[in-house]
Amino acid sequence: MKESICPTRDRKIPNILTNNPLRQLFSPPGRLLERYVGPGERVADLGCGAGFHTLPMARIVGGEGRVYAVDFDPKAIALLERHAKRRGYDRIIESRAASASAIDFIESGSIHFVLAEGLLCCMTDHVGAVRQIRRILHPAGRAYLSVIKIARANDPRSVSRETWKRLLSSFRLLGSGEGLLTRWALVGPGEGGSSAEPLFEETARAGRLPCC
C-alpha cells in the first residue's frame, strides 16, 4: 500500500457500514458493475473503503484487467488488501491511501469505468476529484457518480443540488436520477450536454439504471 497526504476534513465511513451482509443483500455490487465493467478492462473505484465494489470488479476484469482502488483511510485500504490477497486478486488490484483529488499515479485517458459511489459528499475538494475523474477517463469510458442528498448546509463536504449540477456540467451526461436519499449520474467524457435523460429525471424508478 502506498499512501498520500489526504485532506483531514474528509469523512471516514466505518467499514462495518460500507461492507456488511445487509448491504450485500439489499444492494449487491454485481447489479451495478455487470452493466458497466467487462473482462480485461481498466477500472477505478474511488472511495473504495474496504472493497465492497473493488473485489467484484477484480473478479469481472480478471487477470488481464486492472483495478485501481483509492480511499483516503489507510485502515480501509489495509483491510481491502488483506481481502484481495486472500482471494488471489492482489495482482489485479492496485490500492492507494489517497484523496480522490490526488490520483496522478493513474494514467490519463486509461480508465474504462470509474465508480465514485458516495465519494463527493465525503470530501471537501469536489472540483479536484471531478478534474481527476475527467482526466483518467478513456475517450469511450463512463463514470458512475452518486451523492447523499441529506447533509448540513454548512458542511463543506455536502453536495447541494446546485453544486451537483455544476459538477456534472464537466461531463457528458448519459443518465441521471435520484432516490429517497441519493442522487446519481452516469457520465462520459466531454462537457455540458445529455445524450439520455435530463438531470434528475426519475429514471431510477423506471428501472433504467440503478439509483444507488
C-alpha atoms as a PDB file:
ATOM      1  CA  MET A   1       0.000   0.000   0.000  1.00  0.00           C
ATOM      2  CA  LYS A   2       1.245   3.454  -0.930  1.00  0.00           C
ATOM      3  CA  GLU A   3      -0.012   6.441   0.992  1.00  0.00           C
ATOM      4  CA  SER A   4      -0.506  10.091   0.066  1.00  0.00           C
ATOM      5  CA  ILE A   5      -1.343  13.097   2.208  1.00  0.00           C
ATOM      6  CA  CYS A   6      -5.119  13.463   2.366  1.00  0.00           C
ATOM      7  CA  PRO A   7      -7.402  16.319   3.447  1.00  0.00           C
ATOM      8  CA  THR A   8      -8.057  15.989   7.165  1.00  0.00           C
ATOM      9  CA  ARG A   9     -11.682  17.058   6.831  1.00  0.00           C
ATOM     10  CA  ASP A  10     -12.686  14.251   4.515  1.00  0.00           C
ATOM     11  CA  ARG A  11     -15.232  11.932   6.085  1.00  0.00           C
ATOM     12  CA  LYS A  12     -14.367   8.414   7.198  1.00  0.00           C
ATOM     13  CA  ILE A  13     -17.210   5.913   6.982  1.00  0.00           C
ATOM     14  CA  PRO A  14     -16.871   2.969   9.401  1.00  0.00           C
ATOM     15  CA  ASN A  15     -16.111  -0.207   7.484  1.00  0.00           C
ATOM     16  CA  ILE A  16     -18.975  -2.038   9.164  1.00  0.00           C
ATOM     17  CA  LEU A  17     -21.407   0.376   7.464  1.00  0.00           C
ATOM     18  CA  THR A  18     -19.957   0.027   3.980  1.00  0.00           C
ATOM     19  CA  ASN A  19     -19.087  -3.658   3.909  1.00  0.00           C
ATOM     20  CA  ASN A  20     -21.655  -5.852   5.627  1.00  0.00           C
ATOM     21  CA  PRO A  21     -24.118  -8.668   4.826  1.00  0.00           C
ATOM     22  CA  LEU A  22     -27.160  -6.362   4.828  1.00  0.00           C
ATOM     23  CA  ARG A  23     -25.666  -4.170   2.146  1.00  0.00           C
ATOM     24  CA  GLN A  24     -24.775  -7.264   0.148  1.00  0.00           C
ATOM     25  CA  LEU A  25     -28.407  -8.371   0.421  1.00  0.00           C
ATOM     26  CA  PHE A  26     -30.164  -5.105  -0.449  1.00  0.00           C
ATOM     27  CA  SER A  27     -27.569  -3.583  -2.806  1.00  0.00           C
ATOM     28  CA  PRO A  28     -25.494  -6.398  -4.333  1.00  0.00           C
ATOM     29  CA  PRO A  29     -22.489  -4.884  -6.125  1.00  0.00           C
ATOM     30  CA  GLY A  30     -22.900  -7.070  -9.185  1.00  0.00           C
ATOM     31  CA  ARG A  31     -26.196  -5.387 -10.024  1.00  0.00           C
ATOM     32  CA  LEU A  32     -24.339  -2.198 -10.857  1.00  0.00           C
ATOM     33  CA  LEU A  33     -20.962  -3.469 -12.019  1.00  0.00           C
ATOM     34  CA  GLU A  34     -22.119  -6.065 -14.505  1.00  0.00           C
ATOM     35  CA  ARG A  35     -23.724  -3.273 -16.565  1.00  0.00           C
ATOM     36  CA  TYR A  36     -20.530  -1.304 -16.994  1.00  0.00           C
ATOM     37  CA  VAL A  37     -17.453  -3.478 -16.334  1.00  0.00           C
ATOM     38  CA  GLY A  38     -16.055  -6.101 -18.683  1.00  0.00           C
ATOM     39  CA  PRO A  39     -13.161  -8.591 -18.797  1.00  0.00           C
ATOM     40  CA  GLY A  40      -9.722  -7.125 -19.389  1.00  0.00           C
ATOM     41  CA  GLU A  41     -10.759  -3.538 -18.652  1.00  0.00           C
ATOM     42  CA  ARG A  42      -9.001  -0.949 -16.506  1.00  0.00           C
ATOM     43  CA  VAL A  43     -11.344   0.433 -13.865  1.00  0.00           C
ATOM     44  CA  ALA A  44     -11.143   2.641 -10.785  1.00  0.00           C
ATOM     45  CA  ASP A  45     -13.038   2.513  -7.501  1.00  0.00           C
ATOM     46  CA  LEU A  46     -12.682   5.938  -5.871  1.00  0.00           C
ATOM     47  CA  GLY A  47     -13.705   5.997  -2.222  1.00  0.00           C
ATOM     48  CA  CYS A  48     -13.425   2.217  -2.237  1.00  0.00           C
ATOM     49  CA  GLY A  49     -13.499   1.659   1.523  1.00  0.00           C
ATOM     50  CA  ALA A  50     -12.692  -1.929   2.394  1.00  0.00           C
ATOM     51  CA  GLY A  51     -13.580  -3.153  -1.087  1.00  0.00           C
ATOM     52  CA  PHE A  52     -17.338  -3.710  -1.298  1.00  0.00           C
ATOM     53  CA  HIS A  53     -17.191  -2.999  -5.048  1.00  0.00           C
ATOM     54  CA  THR A  54     -13.464  -3.399  -5.600  1.00  0.00           C
ATOM     55  CA  LEU A  55     -13.343  -7.164  -5.138  1.00  0.00           C
ATOM     56  CA  PRO A  56     -16.254  -7.856  -7.520  1.00  0.00           C
ATOM     57  CA  MET A  57     -14.577  -5.501 -10.007  1.00  0.00           C
ATOM     58  CA  ALA A  58     -11.413  -7.604  -9.832  1.00  0.00           C
ATOM     59  CA  ARG A  59     -13.418 -10.781 -10.414  1.00  0.00           C
ATOM     60  CA  ILE A  60     -15.037  -9.289 -13.535  1.00  0.00           C
ATOM     61  CA  VAL A  61     -11.939  -7.759 -15.157  1.00  0.00           C
ATOM     62  CA  GLY A  62      -9.852 -10.856 -14.450  1.00  0.00           C
ATOM     63  CA  GLY A  63      -6.119 -11.292 -14.797  1.00  0.00           C
ATOM     64  CA  GLU A  64      -5.896  -9.204 -17.979  1.00  0.00           C
ATOM     65  CA  GLY A  65      -7.572  -6.226 -16.326  1.00  0.00           C
ATOM     66  CA  ARG A  66      -6.602  -3.731 -13.657  1.00  0.00           C
ATOM     67  CA  VAL A  67      -8.476  -2.217 -10.722  1.00  0.00           C
ATOM     68  CA  TYR A  68      -7.290   0.968  -9.045  1.00  0.00           C
ATOM     69  CA  ALA A  69      -8.704   1.226  -5.529  1.00  0.00           C
ATOM     70  CA  VAL A  70      -8.420   4.571  -3.766  1.00  0.00           C
ATOM     71  CA  ASP A  71      -9.555   5.631  -0.314  1.00  0.00           C
ATOM     72  CA  PHE A  72      -8.134   8.257   1.993  1.00  0.00           C
ATOM     73  CA  ASP A  73      -8.494   5.942   5.036  1.00  0.00           C
ATOM     74  CA  PRO A  74      -5.334   3.794   5.373  1.00  0.00           C
ATOM     75  CA  LYS A  75      -7.156   1.325   7.641  1.00  0.00           C
ATOM     76  CA  ALA A  76      -9.779   0.660   4.977  1.00  0.00           C
ATOM     77  CA  ILE A  77      -7.061   0.144   2.360  1.00  0.00           C
ATOM     78  CA  ALA A  78      -5.187  -2.272   4.638  1.00  0.00           C
ATOM     79  CA  LEU A  79      -8.375  -4.288   5.131  1.00  0.00           C
ATOM     80  CA  LEU A  80      -9.027  -4.309   1.377  1.00  0.00           C
ATOM     81  CA  GLU A  81      -5.514  -5.579   0.716  1.00  0.00           C
ATOM     82  CA  ARG A  82      -5.995  -8.470   3.134  1.00  0.00           C
ATOM     83  CA  HIS A  83      -9.250  -9.446   1.432  1.00  0.00           C
ATOM     84  CA  ALA A  84      -7.668  -9.116  -2.023  1.00  0.00           C
ATOM     85  CA  LYS A  85      -4.706 -11.320  -1.144  1.00  0.00           C
ATOM     86  CA  ARG A  86      -6.989 -13.953   0.376  1.00  0.00           C
ATOM     87  CA  ARG A  87      -8.976 -14.120  -2.874  1.00  0.00           C
ATOM     88  CA  GLY A  88      -5.964 -14.001  -5.172  1.00  0.00           C
ATOM     89  CA  TYR A  89      -6.779 -10.527  -6.514  1.00  0.00           C
ATOM     90  CA  ASP A  90      -3.686  -8.770  -5.189  1.00  0.00           C
ATOM     91  CA  ARG A  91      -2.053  -8.781  -8.651  1.00  0.00           C
ATOM     92  CA  ILE A  92      -5.155  -7.249 -10.215  1.00  0.00           C
ATOM     93  CA  ILE A  93      -5.850  -4.529  -7.643  1.00  0.00           C
ATOM     94  CA  GLU A  94      -3.537  -1.586  -7.118  1.00  0.00           C
ATOM     95  CA  SER A  95      -4.614   0.104  -3.889  1.00  0.00           C
ATOM     96  CA  ARG A  96      -3.642   3.524  -2.619  1.00  0.00           C
ATOM     97  CA  ALA A  97      -4.456   5.516   0.521  1.00  0.00           C
ATOM     98  CA  ALA A  98      -5.023   8.889  -1.118  1.00  0.00           C
ATOM     99  CA  SER A  99      -7.567  11.573  -1.803  1.00  0.00           C
ATOM    100  CA  ALA A 100      -9.543  11.149  -4.993  1.00  0.00           C
ATOM    101  CA  SER A 101      -8.277  14.618  -5.909  1.00  0.00           C
ATOM    102  CA  ALA A 102      -4.665  13.335  -5.853  1.00  0.00           C
ATOM    103  CA  ILE A 103      -4.577  10.286  -8.131  1.00  0.00           C
ATOM    104  CA  ASP A 104      -1.868  11.341 -10.573  1.00  0.00           C
ATOM    105  CA  PHE A 105      -0.499   7.788 -10.434  1.00  0.00           C
ATOM    106  CA  ILE A 106      -3.388   6.700 -12.692  1.00  0.00           C
ATOM    107  CA  GLU A 107      -2.565   7.274 -16.361  1.00  0.00           C
ATOM    108  CA  SER A 108      -4.623   9.884 -18.199  1.00  0.00           C
ATOM    109  CA  GLY A 109      -7.286   8.520 -20.539  1.00  0.00           C
ATOM    110  CA  SER A 110      -6.753   4.937 -19.400  1.00  0.00           C
ATOM    111  CA  ILE A 111      -9.835   4.031 -17.349  1.00  0.00           C
ATOM    112  CA  HIS A 112     -12.870   2.392 -18.922  1.00  0.00           C
ATOM    113  CA  PHE A 113     -15.117   2.757 -15.879  1.00  0.00           C
ATOM    114  CA  VAL A 114     -14.891   4.915 -12.768  1.00  0.00           C
ATOM    115  CA  LEU A 115     -17.045   4.207  -9.744  1.00  0.00           C
ATOM    116  CA  ALA A 116     -17.433   7.115  -7.330  1.00  0.00           C
ATOM    117  CA  GLU A 117     -20.387   5.998  -5.242  1.00  0.00           C
ATOM    118  CA  GLY A 118     -20.919   8.324  -2.281  1.00  0.00           C
ATOM    119  CA  LEU A 119     -17.480   9.844  -2.839  1.00  0.00           C
ATOM    120  CA  LEU A 120     -18.007  13.543  -3.459  1.00  0.00           C
ATOM    121  CA  CYS A 121     -20.222  14.073  -0.407  1.00  0.00           C
ATOM    122  CA  CYS A 122     -17.446  12.667   1.811  1.00  0.00           C
ATOM    123  CA  MET A 123     -14.708  15.055   0.688  1.00  0.00           C
ATOM    124  CA  THR A 124     -14.069  18.779   0.530  1.00  0.00           C
ATOM    125  CA  ASP A 125     -12.266  19.058  -2.800  1.00  0.00           C
ATOM    126  CA  HIS A 126     -15.172  18.271  -5.118  1.00  0.00           C
ATOM    127  CA  VAL A 127     -13.668  20.122  -8.060  1.00  0.00           C
ATOM    128  CA  GLY A 128     -10.316  18.385  -7.677  1.00  0.00           C
ATOM    129  CA  ALA A 129     -11.944  14.952  -7.694  1.00  0.00           C
ATOM    130  CA  VAL A 130     -14.062  15.745 -10.747  1.00  0.00           C
ATOM    131  CA  ARG A 131     -11.000  17.075 -12.560  1.00  0.00           C
ATOM    132  CA  GLN A 132      -9.176  13.809 -11.887  1.00  0.00           C
ATOM    133  CA  ILE A 133     -12.116  11.671 -12.987  1.00  0.00           C
ATOM    134  CA  ARG A 134     -12.275  13.579 -16.257  1.00  0.00           C
ATOM    135  CA  ARG A 135      -8.526  13.199 -16.716  1.00  0.00           C
ATOM    136  CA  ILE A 136      -8.361   9.436 -16.228  1.00  0.00           C
ATOM    137  CA  LEU A 137     -11.454   8.509 -18.259  1.00  0.00           C
ATOM    138  CA  HIS A 138     -10.840   6.705 -21.530  1.00  0.00           C
ATOM    139  CA  PRO A 139     -12.435   8.507 -24.521  1.00  0.00           C
ATOM    140  CA  ALA A 140     -15.105   5.799 -24.558  1.00  0.00           C
ATOM    141  CA  GLY A 141     -15.188   5.445 -20.780  1.00  0.00           C
ATOM    142  CA  ARG A 142     -18.005   6.059 -18.332  1.00  0.00           C
ATOM    143  CA  ALA A 143     -18.224   7.063 -14.707  1.00  0.00           C
ATOM    144  CA  TYR A 144     -20.957   6.418 -12.168  1.00  0.00           C
ATOM    145  CA  LEU A 145     -21.259   9.143  -9.527  1.00  0.00           C
ATOM    146  CA  SER A 146     -23.610   9.332  -6.578  1.00  0.00           C
ATOM    147  CA  VAL A 147     -24.043  11.570  -3.550  1.00  0.00           C
ATOM    148  CA  ILE A 148     -26.123  11.601  -0.392  1.00  0.00           C
ATOM    149  CA  LYS A 149     -28.836  14.274  -0.554  1.00  0.00           C
ATOM    150  CA  ILE A 150     -29.231  14.895   3.187  1.00  0.00           C
ATOM    151  CA  ALA A 151     -26.452  16.982   4.735  1.00  0.00           C
ATOM    152  CA  ARG A 152     -25.877  20.086   6.828  1.00  0.00           C
ATOM    153  CA  ALA A 153     -25.846  23.236   4.732  1.00  0.00           C
ATOM    154  CA  ASN A 154     -22.628  24.499   6.340  1.00  0.00           C
ATOM    155  CA  ASP A 155     -20.767  21.220   5.846  1.00  0.00           C
ATOM    156  CA  PRO A 156     -18.081  21.825   3.171  1.00  0.00           C
ATOM    157  CA  ARG A 157     -18.354  18.171   2.156  1.00  0.00           C
ATOM    158  CA  SER A 158     -22.062  18.331   1.324  1.00  0.00           C
ATOM    159  CA  VAL A 159     -23.180  18.479  -2.313  1.00  0.00           C
ATOM    160  CA  SER A 160     -26.226  20.654  -2.839  1.00  0.00           C
ATOM    161  CA  ARG A 161     -28.459  20.363  -5.885  1.00  0.00           C
ATOM    162  CA  GLU A 162     -26.790  23.386  -7.464  1.00  0.00           C
ATOM    163  CA  THR A 163     -23.292  22.065  -6.701  1.00  0.00           C
ATOM    164  CA  TRP A 164     -24.255  18.710  -8.186  1.00  0.00           C
ATOM    165  CA  LYS A 165     -25.427  20.383 -11.388  1.00  0.00           C
ATOM    166  CA  ARG A 166     -22.186  22.350 -11.667  1.00  0.00           C
ATOM    167  CA  LEU A 167     -20.061  19.259 -11.122  1.00  0.00           C
ATOM    168  CA  LEU A 168     -21.977  17.269 -13.717  1.00  0.00           C
ATOM    169  CA  SER A 169     -21.578  20.077 -16.258  1.00  0.00           C
ATOM    170  CA  SER A 170     -17.944  18.968 -16.560  1.00  0.00           C
ATOM    171  CA  PHE A 171     -19.116  15.769 -18.262  1.00  0.00           C
ATOM    172  CA  ARG A 172     -21.409  14.493 -20.978  1.00  0.00           C
ATOM    173  CA  LEU A 173     -24.481  13.303 -19.143  1.00  0.00           C
ATOM    174  CA  LEU A 174     -25.627   9.797 -20.112  1.00  0.00           C
ATOM    175  CA  GLY A 175     -28.248   9.212 -17.442  1.00  0.00           C
ATOM    176  CA  SER A 176     -29.307  10.512 -14.047  1.00  0.00           C
ATOM    177  CA  GLY A 177     -31.879  10.256 -11.324  1.00  0.00           C
ATOM    178  CA  GLU A 178     -32.495  10.370  -7.624  1.00  0.00           C
ATOM    179  CA  GLY A 179     -33.876   8.123  -4.948  1.00  0.00           C
ATOM    180  CA  LEU A 180     -35.049   8.913  -1.453  1.00  0.00           C
ATOM    181  CA  LEU A 181     -31.550   9.532  -0.109  1.00  0.00           C
ATOM    182  CA  THR A 182     -29.239   9.750  -3.107  1.00  0.00           C
ATOM    183  CA  ARG A 183     -28.650  11.426  -6.453  1.00  0.00           C
ATOM    184  CA  TRP A 184     -26.763   9.565  -9.155  1.00  0.00           C
ATOM    185  CA  ALA A 185     -25.472  10.129 -12.661  1.00  0.00           C
ATOM    186  CA  LEU A 186     -23.806   8.116 -15.389  1.00  0.00           C
ATOM    187  CA  VAL A 187     -21.409  10.345 -17.307  1.00  0.00           C
ATOM    188  CA  GLY A 188     -18.818  10.223 -20.049  1.00  0.00           C
ATOM    189  CA  PRO A 189     -16.002  12.462 -21.262  1.00  0.00           C
ATOM    190  CA  GLY A 190     -16.997  15.820 -22.669  1.00  0.00           C
ATOM    191  CA  GLU A 191     -18.860  18.771 -21.269  1.00  0.00           C
ATOM    192  CA  GLY A 192     -22.349  20.120 -20.862  1.00  0.00           C
ATOM    193  CA  GLY A 193     -24.903  18.017 -22.629  1.00  0.00           C
ATOM    194  CA  SER A 194     -27.017  14.923 -22.360  1.00  0.00           C
ATOM    195  CA  SER A 195     -27.490  12.032 -24.709  1.00  0.00           C
ATOM    196  CA  ALA A 196     -30.123  10.479 -22.499  1.00  0.00           C
ATOM    197  CA  GLU A 197     -32.369  11.538 -19.632  1.00  0.00           C
ATOM    198  CA  PRO A 198     -32.368  15.139 -18.354  1.00  0.00           C
ATOM    199  CA  LEU A 199     -30.794  15.886 -14.999  1.00  0.00           C
ATOM    200  CA  PHE A 200     -32.697  14.413 -12.045  1.00  0.00           C
ATOM    201  CA  GLU A 201     -35.373  12.747 -14.170  1.00  0.00           C
ATOM    202  CA  GLU A 202     -36.802   9.856 -12.177  1.00  0.00           C
ATOM    203  CA  THR A 203     -35.289   7.195 -14.435  1.00  0.00           C
ATOM    204  CA  ALA A 204     -34.230   5.105 -11.471  1.00  0.00           C
ATOM    205  CA  ARG A 205     -37.839   4.459 -10.550  1.00  0.00           C
ATOM    206  CA  ALA A 206     -38.490   3.335 -14.109  1.00  0.00           C
ATOM    207  CA  GLY A 207     -35.757   0.726 -13.711  1.00  0.00           C
ATOM    208  CA  ARG A 208     -33.471   2.018 -16.469  1.00  0.00           C
ATOM    209  CA  LEU A 209     -30.408   2.492 -14.296  1.00  0.00           C
ATOM    210  CA  PRO A 210     -29.661   1.744 -10.638  1.00  0.00           C
ATOM    211  CA  CYS A 211     -30.109   4.701  -8.328  1.00  0.00           C
ATOM    212  CA  CYS A 212     -27.632   3.602  -5.656  1.00  0.00           C
END
